[in-house]
Amino acid sequence: MARPDRRLWLDAEDATALAALHERWRSVRECLGERVRHALWLCEYGFRIQFLEVALPHYVTALEALLNTDEHGTGRQFRDRVPQLAAAVGVDDVDEELCRQVWRERSRWTHGQRVSLRVADKPERADVLDRLQRVLRFALRSCIEGESFRRCFADPGAVRNSFPLRSPHRG
């Protein structure tokens, strides 16, 4: 997605790191599990989206692909588990309140409120999107690079054990 305040190219160090990550992915891709593979696909596709009303729900869905274990209480799962995942991968600016706000926006936008804002036109919203992207990117990279982290997403039970729900149920 176009961000005028960001470098939009790889330097030599980036290219070397990406090549190594790609080789690692090739060696473990069959071991990633459906939940991680689906999140990878959503993440890759999400980087192409330049409109907030599509991009934000897309990243929420990608994070849900990793963390959602039950049909009920999906908002609670998102606001409880995404900050835990963020902490696990070293992203320190994602908390429950941010996740609550993101969930509300996602709900409004996916249930009919038209926004049509280009990410580049709303830097404060682009910052929120960037935080979600970082959590997702770092988590997926950790899944590719480490078997123990990858096991956190092996099945719903593994997700529940790795990222337990903390907040009281609020509907």
N, C-alpha and C. Protein backbone atom coordinates (compact mmCIF):
# COMPACT_ATOMS: atom_id res chain seq x y z
N MET A 1 0.85 -1.16 0.00
CA MET A 1 0.00 0.00 0.00
C MET A 1 0.90 1.22 0.00
N ALA A 2 0.55 2.24 -0.71
CA ALA A 2 1.36 3.44 -0.87
C ALA A 2 1.31 4.28 0.39
N ARG A 3 2.47 4.52 0.97
CA ARG A 3 2.59 5.38 2.14
C ARG A 3 3.69 6.40 1.81
N PRO A 4 3.34 7.66 1.62
CA PRO A 4 4.34 8.65 1.20
C PRO A 4 5.43 8.87 2.24
N ASP A 5 5.19 8.49 3.49
CA ASP A 5 6.18 8.69 4.54
C ASP A 5 7.10 7.48 4.72
N ARG A 6 7.02 6.51 3.83
CA ARG A 6 7.80 5.28 3.97
C ARG A 6 8.61 4.99 2.72
N ARG A 7 9.74 4.35 2.94
CA ARG A 7 10.56 3.86 1.84
C ARG A 7 9.82 2.69 1.20
N LEU A 8 9.72 2.70 -0.11
CA LEU A 8 8.94 1.69 -0.82
C LEU A 8 9.81 0.73 -1.63
N TRP A 9 11.03 0.52 -1.20
CA TRP A 9 11.91 -0.38 -1.91
C TRP A 9 12.77 -1.15 -0.92
N LEU A 10 13.33 -2.24 -1.39
CA LEU A 10 14.23 -3.03 -0.57
C LEU A 10 15.66 -2.56 -0.80
N ASP A 11 16.43 -2.51 0.27
CA ASP A 11 17.87 -2.28 0.10
C ASP A 11 18.55 -3.66 0.08
N ALA A 12 19.86 -3.68 -0.06
CA ALA A 12 20.58 -4.95 -0.18
C ALA A 12 20.39 -5.82 1.06
N GLU A 13 20.40 -5.22 2.23
CA GLU A 13 20.21 -5.98 3.47
C GLU A 13 18.80 -6.58 3.53
N ASP A 14 17.79 -5.80 3.13
CA ASP A 14 16.41 -6.29 3.10
C ASP A 14 16.30 -7.48 2.14
N ALA A 15 16.89 -7.35 0.97
CA ALA A 15 16.80 -8.40 -0.05
C ALA A 15 17.46 -9.69 0.44
N THR A 16 18.57 -9.58 1.12
CA THR A 16 19.25 -10.76 1.67
C THR A 16 18.39 -11.43 2.73
N ALA A 17 17.80 -10.63 3.63
CA ALA A 17 16.94 -11.18 4.67
C ALA A 17 15.69 -11.83 4.06
N LEU A 18 15.11 -11.19 3.05
CA LEU A 18 13.94 -11.73 2.40
C LEU A 18 14.26 -13.05 1.69
N ALA A 19 15.39 -13.12 1.05
CA ALA A 19 15.80 -14.36 0.37
C ALA A 19 15.94 -15.50 1.38
N ALA A 20 16.53 -15.22 2.53
CA ALA A 20 16.69 -16.25 3.57
C ALA A 20 15.32 -16.67 4.11
N LEU A 21 14.44 -15.71 4.34
CA LEU A 21 13.11 -16.03 4.83
C LEU A 21 12.34 -16.85 3.80
N HIS A 22 12.46 -16.51 2.54
CA HIS A 22 11.79 -17.26 1.48
C HIS A 22 12.30 -18.71 1.44
N GLU A 23 13.58 -18.90 1.57
CA GLU A 23 14.13 -20.26 1.57
C GLU A 23 13.62 -21.03 2.78
N ARG A 24 13.55 -20.37 3.93
CA ARG A 24 13.03 -21.04 5.12
C ARG A 24 11.55 -21.41 4.90
N TRP A 25 10.78 -20.48 4.34
CA TRP A 25 9.37 -20.76 4.05
C TRP A 25 9.24 -21.97 3.14
N ARG A 26 10.07 -22.04 2.11
CA ARG A 26 10.01 -23.17 1.18
C ARG A 26 10.26 -24.49 1.90
N SER A 27 11.12 -24.47 2.91
CA SER A 27 11.45 -25.71 3.62
C SER A 27 10.39 -26.11 4.65
N VAL A 28 9.56 -25.17 5.11
CA VAL A 28 8.59 -25.49 6.17
C VAL A 28 7.14 -25.29 5.74
N ARG A 29 6.89 -24.87 4.54
CA ARG A 29 5.52 -24.48 4.16
C ARG A 29 4.50 -25.59 4.37
N GLU A 30 4.89 -26.83 4.20
CA GLU A 30 3.94 -27.94 4.42
C GLU A 30 3.67 -28.16 5.91
N CYS A 31 4.51 -27.63 6.77
CA CYS A 31 4.35 -27.79 8.22
C CYS A 31 3.62 -26.63 8.88
N LEU A 32 3.26 -25.62 8.11
CA LEU A 32 2.71 -24.41 8.70
C LEU A 32 1.29 -24.57 9.23
N GLY A 33 0.53 -25.46 8.70
CA GLY A 33 -0.85 -25.63 9.15
C GLY A 33 -1.77 -24.66 8.44
N GLU A 34 -3.03 -25.05 8.35
CA GLU A 34 -4.01 -24.27 7.59
C GLU A 34 -4.19 -22.87 8.12
N ARG A 35 -4.24 -22.71 9.42
CA ARG A 35 -4.48 -21.40 10.01
C ARG A 35 -3.36 -20.42 9.64
N VAL A 36 -2.12 -20.85 9.69
CA VAL A 36 -0.98 -19.99 9.34
C VAL A 36 -0.94 -19.75 7.84
N ARG A 37 -1.17 -20.78 7.05
CA ARG A 37 -1.17 -20.59 5.59
C ARG A 37 -2.24 -19.60 5.15
N HIS A 38 -3.42 -19.70 5.77
CA HIS A 38 -4.50 -18.77 5.42
C HIS A 38 -4.13 -17.34 5.82
N ALA A 39 -3.56 -17.16 7.00
CA ALA A 39 -3.13 -15.83 7.43
C ALA A 39 -2.04 -15.27 6.51
N LEU A 40 -1.14 -16.12 6.05
CA LEU A 40 -0.11 -15.68 5.10
C LEU A 40 -0.74 -15.15 3.82
N TRP A 41 -1.69 -15.89 3.30
CA TRP A 41 -2.36 -15.47 2.07
C TRP A 41 -3.06 -14.14 2.28
N LEU A 42 -3.82 -14.02 3.37
CA LEU A 42 -4.53 -12.77 3.65
C LEU A 42 -3.56 -11.60 3.84
N CYS A 43 -2.45 -11.85 4.50
CA CYS A 43 -1.44 -10.80 4.71
C CYS A 43 -0.87 -10.33 3.39
N GLU A 44 -0.49 -11.27 2.55
CA GLU A 44 0.09 -10.90 1.25
C GLU A 44 -0.91 -10.11 0.43
N TYR A 45 -2.14 -10.54 0.41
CA TYR A 45 -3.16 -9.83 -0.35
C TYR A 45 -3.42 -8.46 0.27
N GLY A 46 -3.44 -8.39 1.58
CA GLY A 46 -3.72 -7.13 2.27
C GLY A 46 -2.75 -6.01 1.95
N PHE A 47 -1.52 -6.35 1.66
CA PHE A 47 -0.53 -5.32 1.35
C PHE A 47 -0.84 -4.58 0.05
N ARG A 48 -1.71 -5.14 -0.74
CA ARG A 48 -2.06 -4.52 -2.02
C ARG A 48 -3.23 -3.54 -1.91
N ILE A 49 -3.87 -3.50 -0.76
CA ILE A 49 -5.09 -2.71 -0.59
C ILE A 49 -4.75 -1.30 -0.11
N GLN A 50 -5.31 -0.30 -0.77
CA GLN A 50 -4.99 1.07 -0.40
C GLN A 50 -6.15 1.82 0.25
N PHE A 51 -7.29 1.16 0.44
CA PHE A 51 -8.44 1.82 1.05
C PHE A 51 -8.69 1.27 2.45
N LEU A 52 -8.83 2.16 3.42
CA LEU A 52 -8.99 1.77 4.81
C LEU A 52 -10.17 0.84 5.03
N GLU A 53 -11.30 1.11 4.38
CA GLU A 53 -12.49 0.31 4.64
C GLU A 53 -12.34 -1.13 4.18
N VAL A 54 -11.37 -1.40 3.34
CA VAL A 54 -11.09 -2.76 2.91
C VAL A 54 -9.86 -3.31 3.64
N ALA A 55 -8.85 -2.48 3.80
CA ALA A 55 -7.60 -2.94 4.40
C ALA A 55 -7.77 -3.32 5.87
N LEU A 56 -8.41 -2.47 6.65
CA LEU A 56 -8.53 -2.74 8.08
C LEU A 56 -9.30 -4.04 8.34
N PRO A 57 -10.48 -4.24 7.78
CA PRO A 57 -11.16 -5.52 8.00
C PRO A 57 -10.34 -6.71 7.50
N HIS A 58 -9.56 -6.49 6.45
CA HIS A 58 -8.75 -7.57 5.91
C HIS A 58 -7.69 -8.02 6.91
N TYR A 59 -7.03 -7.08 7.56
CA TYR A 59 -6.01 -7.44 8.56
C TYR A 59 -6.63 -8.03 9.80
N VAL A 60 -7.81 -7.55 10.18
CA VAL A 60 -8.52 -8.17 11.30
C VAL A 60 -8.80 -9.63 10.96
N THR A 61 -9.26 -9.89 9.76
CA THR A 61 -9.55 -11.26 9.33
C THR A 61 -8.29 -12.12 9.34
N ALA A 62 -7.19 -11.57 8.90
CA ALA A 62 -5.92 -12.32 8.90
C ALA A 62 -5.51 -12.68 10.33
N LEU A 63 -5.66 -11.73 11.26
CA LEU A 63 -5.34 -12.03 12.66
C LEU A 63 -6.32 -13.03 13.24
N GLU A 64 -7.59 -12.94 12.84
CA GLU A 64 -8.57 -13.93 13.28
C GLU A 64 -8.22 -15.33 12.75
N ALA A 65 -7.67 -15.40 11.56
CA ALA A 65 -7.27 -16.70 11.01
C ALA A 65 -6.29 -17.39 11.95
N LEU A 66 -5.43 -16.62 12.58
CA LEU A 66 -4.48 -17.18 13.54
C LEU A 66 -5.11 -17.46 14.90
N LEU A 67 -5.97 -16.56 15.38
CA LEU A 67 -6.33 -16.55 16.80
C LEU A 67 -7.75 -16.95 17.15
N ASN A 68 -8.65 -16.99 16.18
CA ASN A 68 -10.04 -17.29 16.49
C ASN A 68 -10.21 -18.80 16.67
N THR A 69 -10.80 -19.18 17.81
CA THR A 69 -10.98 -20.60 18.09
C THR A 69 -12.43 -21.01 18.25
N ASP A 70 -13.31 -20.03 18.42
CA ASP A 70 -14.70 -20.33 18.71
C ASP A 70 -15.61 -19.42 17.91
N GLU A 71 -16.79 -19.93 17.59
CA GLU A 71 -17.77 -19.18 16.82
C GLU A 71 -18.32 -17.99 17.59
N HIS A 72 -18.44 -18.12 18.88
CA HIS A 72 -19.00 -17.05 19.71
C HIS A 72 -17.89 -16.24 20.37
N GLY A 73 -18.17 -14.98 20.63
CA GLY A 73 -17.20 -14.12 21.31
C GLY A 73 -16.01 -13.75 20.45
N THR A 74 -16.24 -13.55 19.17
CA THR A 74 -15.12 -13.25 18.28
C THR A 74 -14.46 -11.91 18.61
N GLY A 75 -15.24 -10.92 19.01
CA GLY A 75 -14.66 -9.63 19.40
C GLY A 75 -13.79 -9.77 20.63
N ARG A 76 -14.26 -10.53 21.59
CA ARG A 76 -13.48 -10.79 22.81
C ARG A 76 -12.18 -11.51 22.48
N GLN A 77 -12.26 -12.50 21.61
CA GLN A 77 -11.05 -13.22 21.22
C GLN A 77 -10.04 -12.26 20.58
N PHE A 78 -10.54 -11.38 19.73
CA PHE A 78 -9.66 -10.43 19.05
C PHE A 78 -9.00 -9.48 20.05
N ARG A 79 -9.80 -8.85 20.90
CA ARG A 79 -9.23 -7.84 21.81
C ARG A 79 -8.35 -8.45 22.90
N ASP A 80 -8.58 -9.73 23.24
CA ASP A 80 -7.74 -10.40 24.25
C ASP A 80 -6.48 -11.00 23.64
N ARG A 81 -6.62 -11.61 22.50
CA ARG A 81 -5.49 -12.39 21.97
C ARG A 81 -4.53 -11.57 21.12
N VAL A 82 -5.00 -10.58 20.39
CA VAL A 82 -4.07 -9.80 19.55
C VAL A 82 -3.01 -9.10 20.41
N PRO A 83 -3.35 -8.45 21.54
CA PRO A 83 -2.28 -7.86 22.36
C PRO A 83 -1.29 -8.90 22.89
N GLN A 84 -1.78 -10.09 23.21
CA GLN A 84 -0.87 -11.15 23.66
C GLN A 84 0.07 -11.57 22.54
N LEU A 85 -0.49 -11.70 21.35
CA LEU A 85 0.34 -12.04 20.18
C LEU A 85 1.35 -10.93 19.92
N ALA A 86 0.90 -9.68 20.00
CA ALA A 86 1.80 -8.54 19.80
C ALA A 86 2.97 -8.60 20.78
N ALA A 87 2.67 -8.85 22.04
CA ALA A 87 3.74 -8.93 23.04
C ALA A 87 4.68 -10.09 22.74
N ALA A 88 4.12 -11.20 22.29
CA ALA A 88 4.95 -12.38 22.00
C ALA A 88 5.93 -12.13 20.86
N VAL A 89 5.58 -11.23 19.94
CA VAL A 89 6.46 -10.97 18.79
C VAL A 89 7.16 -9.61 18.90
N GLY A 90 7.05 -8.96 20.06
CA GLY A 90 7.81 -7.74 20.30
C GLY A 90 7.20 -6.46 19.76
N VAL A 91 5.90 -6.44 19.56
CA VAL A 91 5.23 -5.21 19.15
C VAL A 91 4.55 -4.65 20.40
N ASP A 92 5.04 -3.51 20.87
CA ASP A 92 4.59 -3.02 22.18
C ASP A 92 3.51 -1.95 22.14
N ASP A 93 3.04 -1.57 20.98
CA ASP A 93 2.05 -0.49 20.91
C ASP A 93 0.67 -0.98 20.47
N VAL A 94 0.35 -2.23 20.82
CA VAL A 94 -0.96 -2.80 20.53
C VAL A 94 -1.54 -3.32 21.84
N ASP A 95 -2.60 -2.67 22.31
CA ASP A 95 -3.21 -3.07 23.57
C ASP A 95 -4.69 -3.37 23.38
N GLU A 96 -5.36 -3.75 24.46
CA GLU A 96 -6.76 -4.13 24.38
C GLU A 96 -7.63 -2.97 23.89
N GLU A 97 -7.35 -1.75 24.32
CA GLU A 97 -8.16 -0.62 23.90
C GLU A 97 -8.03 -0.38 22.39
N LEU A 98 -6.84 -0.45 21.86
CA LEU A 98 -6.66 -0.31 20.42
C LEU A 98 -7.44 -1.40 19.69
N CYS A 99 -7.37 -2.61 20.18
CA CYS A 99 -8.09 -3.72 19.54
C CYS A 99 -9.59 -3.53 19.63
N ARG A 100 -10.07 -2.97 20.71
CA ARG A 100 -11.50 -2.68 20.84
C ARG A 100 -11.93 -1.66 19.79
N GLN A 101 -11.12 -0.61 19.62
CA GLN A 101 -11.42 0.42 18.61
C GLN A 101 -11.38 -0.17 17.20
N VAL A 102 -10.38 -0.96 16.93
CA VAL A 102 -10.24 -1.59 15.62
C VAL A 102 -11.44 -2.48 15.33
N TRP A 103 -11.85 -3.26 16.33
CA TRP A 103 -12.99 -4.16 16.14
C TRP A 103 -14.26 -3.38 15.84
N ARG A 104 -14.46 -2.27 16.53
CA ARG A 104 -15.65 -1.45 16.27
C ARG A 104 -15.63 -0.88 14.86
N GLU A 105 -14.48 -0.36 14.44
CA GLU A 105 -14.37 0.19 13.09
C GLU A 105 -14.61 -0.90 12.05
N ARG A 106 -13.98 -2.02 12.25
CA ARG A 106 -14.17 -3.14 11.32
C ARG A 106 -15.65 -3.49 11.22
N SER A 107 -16.33 -3.54 12.35
CA SER A 107 -17.75 -3.89 12.34
C SER A 107 -18.56 -2.85 11.59
N ARG A 108 -18.31 -1.58 11.86
CA ARG A 108 -19.07 -0.53 11.16
C ARG A 108 -18.81 -0.60 9.66
N TRP A 109 -17.56 -0.75 9.28
CA TRP A 109 -17.21 -0.71 7.87
C TRP A 109 -17.69 -1.94 7.11
N THR A 110 -17.66 -3.09 7.75
CA THR A 110 -18.08 -4.29 7.04
C THR A 110 -19.59 -4.47 7.06
N HIS A 111 -20.28 -3.71 7.91
CA HIS A 111 -21.74 -3.83 7.99
C HIS A 111 -22.44 -2.60 7.44
N GLY A 112 -21.78 -1.90 6.52
CA GLY A 112 -22.50 -0.91 5.75
C GLY A 112 -22.04 0.52 5.76
N GLN A 113 -21.22 0.94 6.72
CA GLN A 113 -20.80 2.35 6.72
C GLN A 113 -19.68 2.53 5.70
N ARG A 114 -19.94 3.36 4.71
CA ARG A 114 -18.97 3.60 3.63
C ARG A 114 -17.94 4.61 4.11
N VAL A 115 -16.67 4.32 3.85
CA VAL A 115 -15.59 5.20 4.28
C VAL A 115 -14.80 5.71 3.09
N SER A 116 -14.30 4.82 2.26
CA SER A 116 -13.52 5.15 1.06
C SER A 116 -12.38 6.12 1.32
N LEU A 117 -11.62 5.84 2.33
CA LEU A 117 -10.44 6.66 2.62
C LEU A 117 -9.20 5.92 2.16
N ARG A 118 -8.40 6.62 1.37
CA ARG A 118 -7.12 6.03 1.00
C ARG A 118 -6.22 6.08 2.24
N VAL A 119 -5.46 5.03 2.45
CA VAL A 119 -4.58 4.96 3.61
C VAL A 119 -3.65 6.16 3.65
N ALA A 120 -3.12 6.54 2.51
CA ALA A 120 -2.17 7.66 2.47
C ALA A 120 -2.82 8.99 2.86
N ASP A 121 -4.14 9.08 2.77
CA ASP A 121 -4.84 10.34 3.09
C ASP A 121 -5.17 10.48 4.57
N LYS A 122 -5.00 9.45 5.36
CA LYS A 122 -5.36 9.47 6.78
C LYS A 122 -4.20 8.89 7.60
N PRO A 123 -3.15 9.67 7.85
CA PRO A 123 -1.97 9.12 8.52
C PRO A 123 -2.26 8.52 9.90
N GLU A 124 -3.20 9.09 10.66
CA GLU A 124 -3.48 8.53 11.99
C GLU A 124 -4.14 7.16 11.90
N ARG A 125 -4.94 6.93 10.88
CA ARG A 125 -5.55 5.62 10.68
C ARG A 125 -4.52 4.67 10.06
N ALA A 126 -3.66 5.21 9.22
CA ALA A 126 -2.62 4.38 8.62
C ALA A 126 -1.69 3.85 9.71
N ASP A 127 -1.49 4.63 10.78
CA ASP A 127 -0.66 4.19 11.89
C ASP A 127 -1.28 2.96 12.58
N VAL A 128 -2.57 2.98 12.77
CA VAL A 128 -3.26 1.84 13.38
C VAL A 128 -3.12 0.62 12.48
N LEU A 129 -3.34 0.82 11.20
CA LEU A 129 -3.19 -0.27 10.24
C LEU A 129 -1.77 -0.82 10.26
N ASP A 130 -0.80 0.07 10.34
CA ASP A 130 0.60 -0.34 10.40
C ASP A 130 0.87 -1.21 11.62
N ARG A 131 0.28 -0.87 12.74
CA ARG A 131 0.48 -1.68 13.96
C ARG A 131 -0.06 -3.09 13.76
N LEU A 132 -1.25 -3.20 13.18
CA LEU A 132 -1.81 -4.53 12.91
C LEU A 132 -0.94 -5.30 11.93
N GLN A 133 -0.46 -4.62 10.91
CA GLN A 133 0.41 -5.27 9.93
C GLN A 133 1.68 -5.79 10.60
N ARG A 134 2.27 -4.98 11.49
CA ARG A 134 3.50 -5.43 12.16
C ARG A 134 3.25 -6.67 13.00
N VAL A 135 2.16 -6.69 13.75
CA VAL A 135 1.85 -7.88 14.55
C VAL A 135 1.73 -9.09 13.63
N LEU A 136 0.99 -8.93 12.57
CA LEU A 136 0.77 -10.04 11.64
C LEU A 136 2.07 -10.47 10.97
N ARG A 137 2.82 -9.52 10.45
CA ARG A 137 4.10 -9.85 9.78
C ARG A 137 5.05 -10.55 10.73
N PHE A 138 5.23 -10.00 11.92
CA PHE A 138 6.18 -10.58 12.87
C PHE A 138 5.72 -11.97 13.33
N ALA A 139 4.40 -12.14 13.52
CA ALA A 139 3.89 -13.45 13.92
C ALA A 139 4.11 -14.48 12.82
N LEU A 140 3.81 -14.10 11.59
CA LEU A 140 4.00 -15.04 10.48
C LEU A 140 5.46 -15.37 10.28
N ARG A 141 6.30 -14.38 10.41
CA ARG A 141 7.74 -14.65 10.29
C ARG A 141 8.19 -15.59 11.40
N SER A 142 7.69 -15.38 12.62
CA SER A 142 8.05 -16.26 13.73
C SER A 142 7.56 -17.68 13.49
N CYS A 143 6.41 -17.83 12.85
CA CYS A 143 5.91 -19.16 12.51
C CYS A 143 6.81 -19.84 11.48
N ILE A 144 7.29 -19.07 10.54
CA ILE A 144 8.17 -19.63 9.52
C ILE A 144 9.51 -20.00 10.12
N GLU A 145 10.02 -19.17 10.98
CA GLU A 145 11.38 -19.37 11.50
C GLU A 145 11.46 -20.32 12.69
N GLY A 146 10.36 -20.52 13.42
CA GLY A 146 10.47 -21.33 14.62
C GLY A 146 9.34 -22.32 14.82
N GLU A 147 9.72 -23.58 14.99
CA GLU A 147 8.73 -24.63 15.17
C GLU A 147 7.93 -24.45 16.46
N SER A 148 8.58 -24.01 17.54
CA SER A 148 7.84 -23.88 18.80
C SER A 148 6.77 -22.80 18.70
N PHE A 149 7.06 -21.69 18.01
CA PHE A 149 6.05 -20.65 17.85
C PHE A 149 4.95 -21.14 16.92
N ARG A 150 5.31 -21.83 15.88
CA ARG A 150 4.35 -22.39 14.92
C ARG A 150 3.35 -23.31 15.62
N ARG A 151 3.82 -24.05 16.62
CA ARG A 151 2.94 -24.98 17.35
C ARG A 151 1.84 -24.26 18.11
N CYS A 152 2.01 -22.98 18.43
CA CYS A 152 0.97 -22.20 19.11
C CYS A 152 -0.31 -22.13 18.30
N PHE A 153 -0.22 -22.37 16.99
CA PHE A 153 -1.35 -22.23 16.09
C PHE A 153 -1.77 -23.56 15.45
N ALA A 154 -1.29 -24.65 16.03
CA ALA A 154 -1.53 -25.98 15.46
C ALA A 154 -3.01 -26.34 15.42
N ASP A 155 -3.75 -25.94 16.43
CA ASP A 155 -5.17 -26.26 16.52
C ASP A 155 -5.80 -25.30 17.52
N PRO A 156 -7.13 -25.30 17.63
CA PRO A 156 -7.79 -24.38 18.56
C PRO A 156 -7.30 -24.51 20.00
N GLY A 157 -7.05 -25.73 20.44
CA GLY A 157 -6.55 -25.93 21.81
C GLY A 157 -5.19 -25.28 22.03
N ALA A 158 -4.32 -25.40 21.04
CA ALA A 158 -2.99 -24.78 21.15
C ALA A 158 -3.11 -23.26 21.22
N VAL A 159 -4.02 -22.70 20.42
CA VAL A 159 -4.24 -21.24 20.46
C VAL A 159 -4.77 -20.84 21.83
N ARG A 160 -5.76 -21.57 22.34
CA ARG A 160 -6.34 -21.24 23.65
C ARG A 160 -5.29 -21.31 24.75
N ASN A 161 -4.42 -22.30 24.71
CA ASN A 161 -3.37 -22.43 25.73
C ASN A 161 -2.32 -21.34 25.60
N SER A 162 -1.97 -20.98 24.38
CA SER A 162 -0.92 -19.99 24.15
C SER A 162 -1.41 -18.56 24.37
N PHE A 163 -2.68 -18.32 24.07
CA PHE A 163 -3.25 -16.98 24.15
C PHE A 163 -4.62 -17.05 24.86
N PRO A 164 -4.60 -17.27 26.17
CA PRO A 164 -5.88 -17.44 26.89
C PRO A 164 -6.70 -16.16 26.93
N LEU A 165 -8.01 -16.33 26.94
CA LEU A 165 -8.90 -15.19 27.06
C LEU A 165 -8.79 -14.65 28.49
N ARG A 166 -8.72 -13.31 28.59
CA ARG A 166 -8.51 -12.68 29.89
C ARG A 166 -9.67 -11.82 30.34
N SER A 167 -10.27 -11.09 29.40
CA SER A 167 -11.31 -10.14 29.80
C SER A 167 -12.63 -10.86 30.04
N PRO A 168 -13.46 -10.30 30.90
CA PRO A 168 -14.78 -10.91 31.11
C PRO A 168 -15.61 -10.82 29.84
N HIS A 169 -16.47 -11.80 29.68
CA HIS A 169 -17.34 -11.83 28.50
C HIS A 169 -18.31 -10.65 28.55
N ARG A 170 -18.39 -9.91 27.43
CA ARG A 170 -19.30 -8.75 27.33
C ARG A 170 -20.20 -8.86 26.13
N GLY A 171 -20.59 -10.01 25.78
CA GLY A 171 -21.53 -10.16 24.67
C GLY A 171 -20.94 -10.29 23.33
